[in-house]
Structures are given as C-alpha cells and as structure tokens.
C-alpha cells in the first residue's frame, strides 16, 4: 500500500510541474522529506490513510 501511495505522490508532483494536478491527491502530512515512500509511510503512521486487506 505504501508503494502504491508513493507512486500516486510521484504522479502528483510530476503533474504539479506540468501545471495540471487537479486529479491527484497531494501529500496529507507536512514533512521536510522529499522521498515519496517516506511521505507515504508518514501518512500511514499518522492515520491519514487506512486500508483493509481482503483475503
């Protein structure tokens, strides 16, 4: 899940550079990190993202 969210953040920042970012969710935590995986893990740790595993 963290890797998927990191890819979403990567898409957000790429679109932000191009000027069209409306369809992507921005980071939900304030962090000095520029690493997308770190940002995703911080979002999970802060409870901003919830997931349910389906077996």
PDB file of N, CA and C in Angstrom:
ATOM      1  N   UNK A   1       0.824  -1.190   0.000  1.00  0.00           N
ATOM      2  CA  UNK A   1       0.000   0.000   0.000  1.00  0.00           C
ATOM      3  C   UNK A   1       0.871   1.258   0.000  1.00  0.00           C
ATOM      4  N   UNK A   2       1.959   1.219   0.744  1.00  0.00           N
ATOM      5  CA  UNK A   2       2.827   2.392   0.784  1.00  0.00           C
ATOM      6  C   UNK A   2       3.467   2.649  -0.577  1.00  0.00           C
ATOM      7  N   UNK A   3       3.832   1.591  -1.277  1.00  0.00           N
ATOM      8  CA  UNK A   3       4.425   1.758  -2.606  1.00  0.00           C
ATOM      9  C   UNK A   3       3.415   2.346  -3.583  1.00  0.00           C
ATOM     10  N   UNK A   4       2.165   1.905  -3.488  1.00  0.00           N
ATOM     11  CA  UNK A   4       1.119   2.452  -4.356  1.00  0.00           C
ATOM     12  C   UNK A   4       0.910   3.933  -4.074  1.00  0.00           C
ATOM     13  N   UNK A   5       0.867   4.300  -2.798  1.00  0.00           N
ATOM     14  CA  UNK A   5       0.693   5.711  -2.427  1.00  0.00           C
ATOM     15  C   UNK A   5       1.903   6.532  -2.875  1.00  0.00           C
ATOM     16  N   UNK A   6       3.104   5.962  -2.791  1.00  0.00           N
ATOM     17  CA  UNK A   6       4.305   6.668  -3.236  1.00  0.00           C
ATOM     18  C   UNK A   6       4.228   6.941  -4.738  1.00  0.00           C
ATOM     19  N   UNK A   7       3.698   6.002  -5.511  1.00  0.00           N
ATOM     20  CA  UNK A   7       3.522   6.230  -6.950  1.00  0.00           C
ATOM     21  C   UNK A   7       2.502   7.329  -7.203  1.00  0.00           C
ATOM     22  N   UNK A   8       1.449   7.382  -6.393  1.00  0.00           N
ATOM     23  CA  UNK A   8       0.456   8.454  -6.523  1.00  0.00           C
ATOM     24  C   UNK A   8       1.095   9.811  -6.232  1.00  0.00           C
ATOM     25  N   UNK A   9       1.939   9.869  -5.215  1.00  0.00           N
ATOM     26  CA  UNK A   9       2.619  11.124  -4.885  1.00  0.00           C
ATOM     27  C   UNK A   9       3.571  11.530  -6.001  1.00  0.00           C
ATOM     28  N   UNK A  10       4.249  10.561  -6.586  1.00  0.00           N
ATOM     29  CA  UNK A  10       5.131  10.838  -7.706  1.00  0.00           C
ATOM     30  C   UNK A  10       4.332  11.447  -8.857  1.00  0.00           C
ATOM     31  N   UNK A  11       3.182  10.884  -9.163  1.00  0.00           N
ATOM     32  CA  UNK A  11       2.326  11.414 -10.227  1.00  0.00           C
ATOM     33  C   UNK A  11       1.857  12.825  -9.893  1.00  0.00           C
ATOM     34  N   UNK A  12       1.532  13.069  -8.624  1.00  0.00           N
ATOM     35  CA  UNK A  12       1.097  14.397  -8.195  1.00  0.00           C
ATOM     36  C   UNK A  12       2.196  15.430  -8.451  1.00  0.00           C
ATOM     37  N   UNK A  13       3.410  15.136  -8.009  1.00  0.00           N
ATOM     38  CA  UNK A  13       4.498  16.100  -8.171  1.00  0.00           C
ATOM     39  C   UNK A  13       4.884  16.281  -9.629  1.00  0.00           C
ATOM     40  N   UNK A  14       4.794  15.216 -10.422  1.00  0.00           N
ATOM     41  CA  UNK A  14       5.070  15.337 -11.855  1.00  0.00           C
ATOM     42  C   UNK A  14       4.020  16.240 -12.522  1.00  0.00           C
ATOM     43  N   UNK A  15       2.737  16.030 -12.186  1.00  0.00           N
ATOM     44  CA  UNK A  15       1.669  16.854 -12.748  1.00  0.00           C
ATOM     45  C   UNK A  15       1.769  18.288 -12.253  1.00  0.00           C
ATOM     46  N   UNK A  16       2.204  18.460 -11.012  1.00  0.00           N
ATOM     47  CA  UNK A  16       2.365  19.803 -10.450  1.00  0.00           C
ATOM     48  C   UNK A  16       3.382  20.598 -11.258  1.00  0.00           C
ATOM     49  N   UNK A  17       4.434  19.948 -11.681  1.00  0.00           N
ATOM     50  CA  UNK A  17       5.443  20.596 -12.511  1.00  0.00           C
ATOM     51  C   UNK A  17       4.915  20.965 -13.876  1.00  0.00           C
ATOM     52  N   UNK A  18       3.931  20.217 -14.351  1.00  0.00           N
ATOM     53  CA  UNK A  18       3.342  20.490 -15.658  1.00  0.00           C
ATOM     54  C   UNK A  18       2.176  21.461 -15.572  1.00  0.00           C
ATOM     55  N   UNK A  19       1.716  21.750 -14.356  1.00  0.00           N
ATOM     56  CA  UNK A  19       0.645  22.726 -14.170  1.00  0.00           C
ATOM     57  C   UNK A  19      -0.752  22.142 -14.137  1.00  0.00           C
ATOM     58  N   UNK A  20      -0.892  20.831 -14.133  1.00  0.00           N
ATOM     59  CA  UNK A  20      -2.229  20.217 -14.060  1.00  0.00           C
ATOM     60  C   UNK A  20      -2.207  19.115 -13.019  1.00  0.00           C
ATOM     61  N   UNK A  21      -2.658  19.435 -11.831  1.00  0.00           N
ATOM     62  CA  UNK A  21      -2.591  18.475 -10.735  1.00  0.00           C
ATOM     63  C   UNK A  21      -3.945  18.244 -10.073  1.00  0.00           C
ATOM     64  N   UNK A  22      -5.023  18.638 -10.699  1.00  0.00           N
ATOM     65  CA  UNK A  22      -6.342  18.543 -10.081  1.00  0.00           C
ATOM     66  C   UNK A  22      -6.763  17.111  -9.780  1.00  0.00           C
ATOM     67  N   UNK A  23      -6.338  16.145 -10.581  1.00  0.00           N
ATOM     68  CA  UNK A  23      -6.815  14.776 -10.423  1.00  0.00           C
ATOM     69  C   UNK A  23      -5.986  13.955  -9.439  1.00  0.00           C
ATOM     70  N   UNK A  24      -4.950  14.526  -8.856  1.00  0.00           N
ATOM     71  CA  UNK A  24      -4.086  13.787  -7.942  1.00  0.00           C
ATOM     72  C   UNK A  24      -4.210  14.333  -6.530  1.00  0.00           C
ATOM     73  N   UNK A  25      -4.105  13.436  -5.548  1.00  0.00           N
ATOM     74  CA  UNK A  25      -4.197  13.822  -4.142  1.00  0.00           C
ATOM     75  C   UNK A  25      -2.836  14.280  -3.643  1.00  0.00           C
ATOM     76  N   UNK A  26      -2.760  15.488  -3.086  1.00  0.00           N
ATOM     77  CA  UNK A  26      -1.475  15.977  -2.570  1.00  0.00           C
ATOM     78  C   UNK A  26      -1.101  15.263  -1.263  1.00  0.00           C
ATOM     79  N   UNK A  27       0.110  15.443  -0.801  1.00  0.00           N
ATOM     80  CA  UNK A  27       0.508  14.836   0.472  1.00  0.00           C
ATOM     81  C   UNK A  27      -0.404  15.309   1.602  1.00  0.00           C
ATOM     82  N   UNK A  28      -0.720  14.410   2.521  1.00  0.00           N
ATOM     83  CA  UNK A  28      -1.637  14.719   3.616  1.00  0.00           C
ATOM     84  C   UNK A  28      -0.926  14.993   4.930  1.00  0.00           C
ATOM     85  N   UNK A  29       0.395  15.051   4.910  1.00  0.00           N
ATOM     86  CA  UNK A  29       1.179  15.374   6.100  1.00  0.00           C
ATOM     87  C   UNK A  29       2.227  16.420   5.728  1.00  0.00           C
ATOM     88  N   UNK A  30       2.585  17.232   6.694  1.00  0.00           N
ATOM     89  CA  UNK A  30       3.679  18.182   6.496  1.00  0.00           C
ATOM     90  C   UNK A  30       4.979  17.482   6.888  1.00  0.00           C
ATOM     91  N   UNK A  31       5.898  17.434   5.952  1.00  0.00           N
ATOM     92  CA  UNK A  31       7.160  16.743   6.201  1.00  0.00           C
ATOM     93  C   UNK A  31       8.275  17.411   5.410  1.00  0.00           C
ATOM     94  N   UNK A  32       9.458  17.433   5.959  1.00  0.00           N
ATOM     95  CA  UNK A  32      10.583  18.008   5.216  1.00  0.00           C
ATOM     96  C   UNK A  32      11.152  17.026   4.182  1.00  0.00           C
ATOM     97  N   UNK A  33      10.690  15.785   4.225  1.00  0.00           N
ATOM     98  CA  UNK A  33      11.225  14.758   3.341  1.00  0.00           C
ATOM     99  C   UNK A  33      10.770  14.971   1.903  1.00  0.00           C
ATOM    100  N   UNK A  34      11.649  14.685   0.979  1.00  0.00           N
ATOM    101  CA  UNK A  34      11.307  14.741  -0.431  1.00  0.00           C
ATOM    102  C   UNK A  34      11.157  13.349  -1.014  1.00  0.00           C
ATOM    103  N   UNK A  35      11.304  12.342  -0.172  1.00  0.00           N
ATOM    104  CA  UNK A  35      11.192  10.955  -0.611  1.00  0.00           C
ATOM    105  C   UNK A  35       9.727  10.537  -0.552  1.00  0.00           C
ATOM    106  N   UNK A  36       9.193  10.096  -1.692  1.00  0.00           N
ATOM    107  CA  UNK A  36       7.772   9.779  -1.772  1.00  0.00           C
ATOM    108  C   UNK A  36       7.380   8.605  -0.886  1.00  0.00           C
ATOM    109  N   UNK A  37       8.241   7.612  -0.784  1.00  0.00           N
ATOM    110  CA  UNK A  37       7.931   6.473   0.072  1.00  0.00           C
ATOM    111  C   UNK A  37       7.910   6.885   1.544  1.00  0.00           C
ATOM    112  N   UNK A  38       8.827   7.742   1.937  1.00  0.00           N
ATOM    113  CA  UNK A  38       8.837   8.240   3.314  1.00  0.00           C
ATOM    114  C   UNK A  38       7.570   9.022   3.612  1.00  0.00           C
ATOM    115  N   UNK A  39       7.144   9.855   2.677  1.00  0.00           N
ATOM    116  CA  UNK A  39       5.909  10.622   2.862  1.00  0.00           C
ATOM    117  C   UNK A  39       4.726   9.669   3.004  1.00  0.00           C
ATOM    118  N   UNK A  40       4.668   8.647   2.148  1.00  0.00           N
ATOM    119  CA  UNK A  40       3.574   7.675   2.224  1.00  0.00           C
ATOM    120  C   UNK A  40       3.561   6.957   3.566  1.00  0.00           C
ATOM    121  N   UNK A  41       4.722   6.544   4.051  1.00  0.00           N
ATOM    122  CA  UNK A  41       4.792   5.862   5.340  1.00  0.00           C
ATOM    123  C   UNK A  41       4.391   6.791   6.483  1.00  0.00           C
ATOM    124  N   UNK A  42       4.739   8.059   6.390  1.00  0.00           N
ATOM    125  CA  UNK A  42       4.330   9.019   7.410  1.00  0.00           C
ATOM    126  C   UNK A  42       2.819   9.225   7.387  1.00  0.00           C
ATOM    127  N   UNK A  43       2.219   9.185   6.207  1.00  0.00           N
ATOM    128  CA  UNK A  43       0.759   9.291   6.112  1.00  0.00           C
ATOM    129  C   UNK A  43       0.086   8.098   6.791  1.00  0.00           C
ATOM    130  N   UNK A  44       0.610   6.895   6.567  1.00  0.00           N
ATOM    131  CA  UNK A  44       0.079   5.711   7.231  1.00  0.00           C
ATOM    132  C   UNK A  44       0.259   5.798   8.745  1.00  0.00           C
ATOM    133  N   UNK A  45       1.445   6.220   9.182  1.00  0.00           N
ATOM    134  CA  UNK A  45       1.741   6.295  10.616  1.00  0.00           C
ATOM    135  C   UNK A  45       0.862   7.311  11.330  1.00  0.00           C
ATOM    136  N   UNK A  46       0.504   8.390  10.647  1.00  0.00           N
ATOM    137  CA  UNK A  46      -0.318   9.423  11.276  1.00  0.00           C
ATOM    138  C   UNK A  46      -1.808   9.094  11.209  1.00  0.00           C
ATOM    139  N   UNK A  47      -2.154   8.004  10.523  1.00  0.00           N
ATOM    140  CA  UNK A  47      -3.553   7.603  10.445  1.00  0.00           C
ATOM    141  C   UNK A  47      -4.342   8.320   9.354  1.00  0.00           C
ATOM    142  N   UNK A  48      -3.661   9.008   8.472  1.00  0.00           N
ATOM    143  CA  UNK A  48      -4.340   9.722   7.388  1.00  0.00           C
ATOM    144  C   UNK A  48      -4.854   8.771   6.311  1.00  0.00           C
ATOM    145  N   UNK A  49      -4.216   7.601   6.196  1.00  0.00           N
ATOM    146  CA  UNK A  49      -4.614   6.608   5.207  1.00  0.00           C
ATOM    147  C   UNK A  49      -4.940   5.319   5.937  1.00  0.00           C
ATOM    148  N   UNK A  50      -6.065   4.753   5.578  1.00  0.00           N
ATOM    149  CA  UNK A  50      -6.498   3.494   6.170  1.00  0.00           C
ATOM    150  C   UNK A  50      -6.690   2.488   5.049  1.00  0.00           C
ATOM    151  N   UNK A  51      -6.412   1.255   5.324  1.00  0.00           N
ATOM    152  CA  UNK A  51      -6.602   0.221   4.312  1.00  0.00           C
ATOM    153  C   UNK A  51      -7.150  -1.040   4.969  1.00  0.00           C
ATOM    154  N   UNK A  52      -7.803  -1.831   4.172  1.00  0.00           N
ATOM    155  CA  UNK A  52      -8.361  -3.109   4.641  1.00  0.00           C
ATOM    156  C   UNK A  52      -7.882  -4.191   3.691  1.00  0.00           C
ATOM    157  N   UNK A  53      -7.319  -5.226   4.246  1.00  0.00           N
ATOM    158  CA  UNK A  53      -6.817  -6.337   3.454  1.00  0.00           C
ATOM    159  C   UNK A  53      -7.970  -7.292   3.172  1.00  0.00           C
ATOM    160  N   UNK A  54      -8.166  -7.607   1.904  1.00  0.00           N
ATOM    161  CA  UNK A  54      -9.192  -8.565   1.523  1.00  0.00           C
ATOM    162  C   UNK A  54      -8.523  -9.874   1.148  1.00  0.00           C
ATOM    163  N   UNK A  55      -8.904 -10.923   1.807  1.00  0.00           N
ATOM    164  CA  UNK A  55      -8.311 -12.240   1.521  1.00  0.00           C
ATOM    165  C   UNK A  55      -9.065 -12.967   0.453  1.00  0.00           C
TER     166      UNK A  55
END
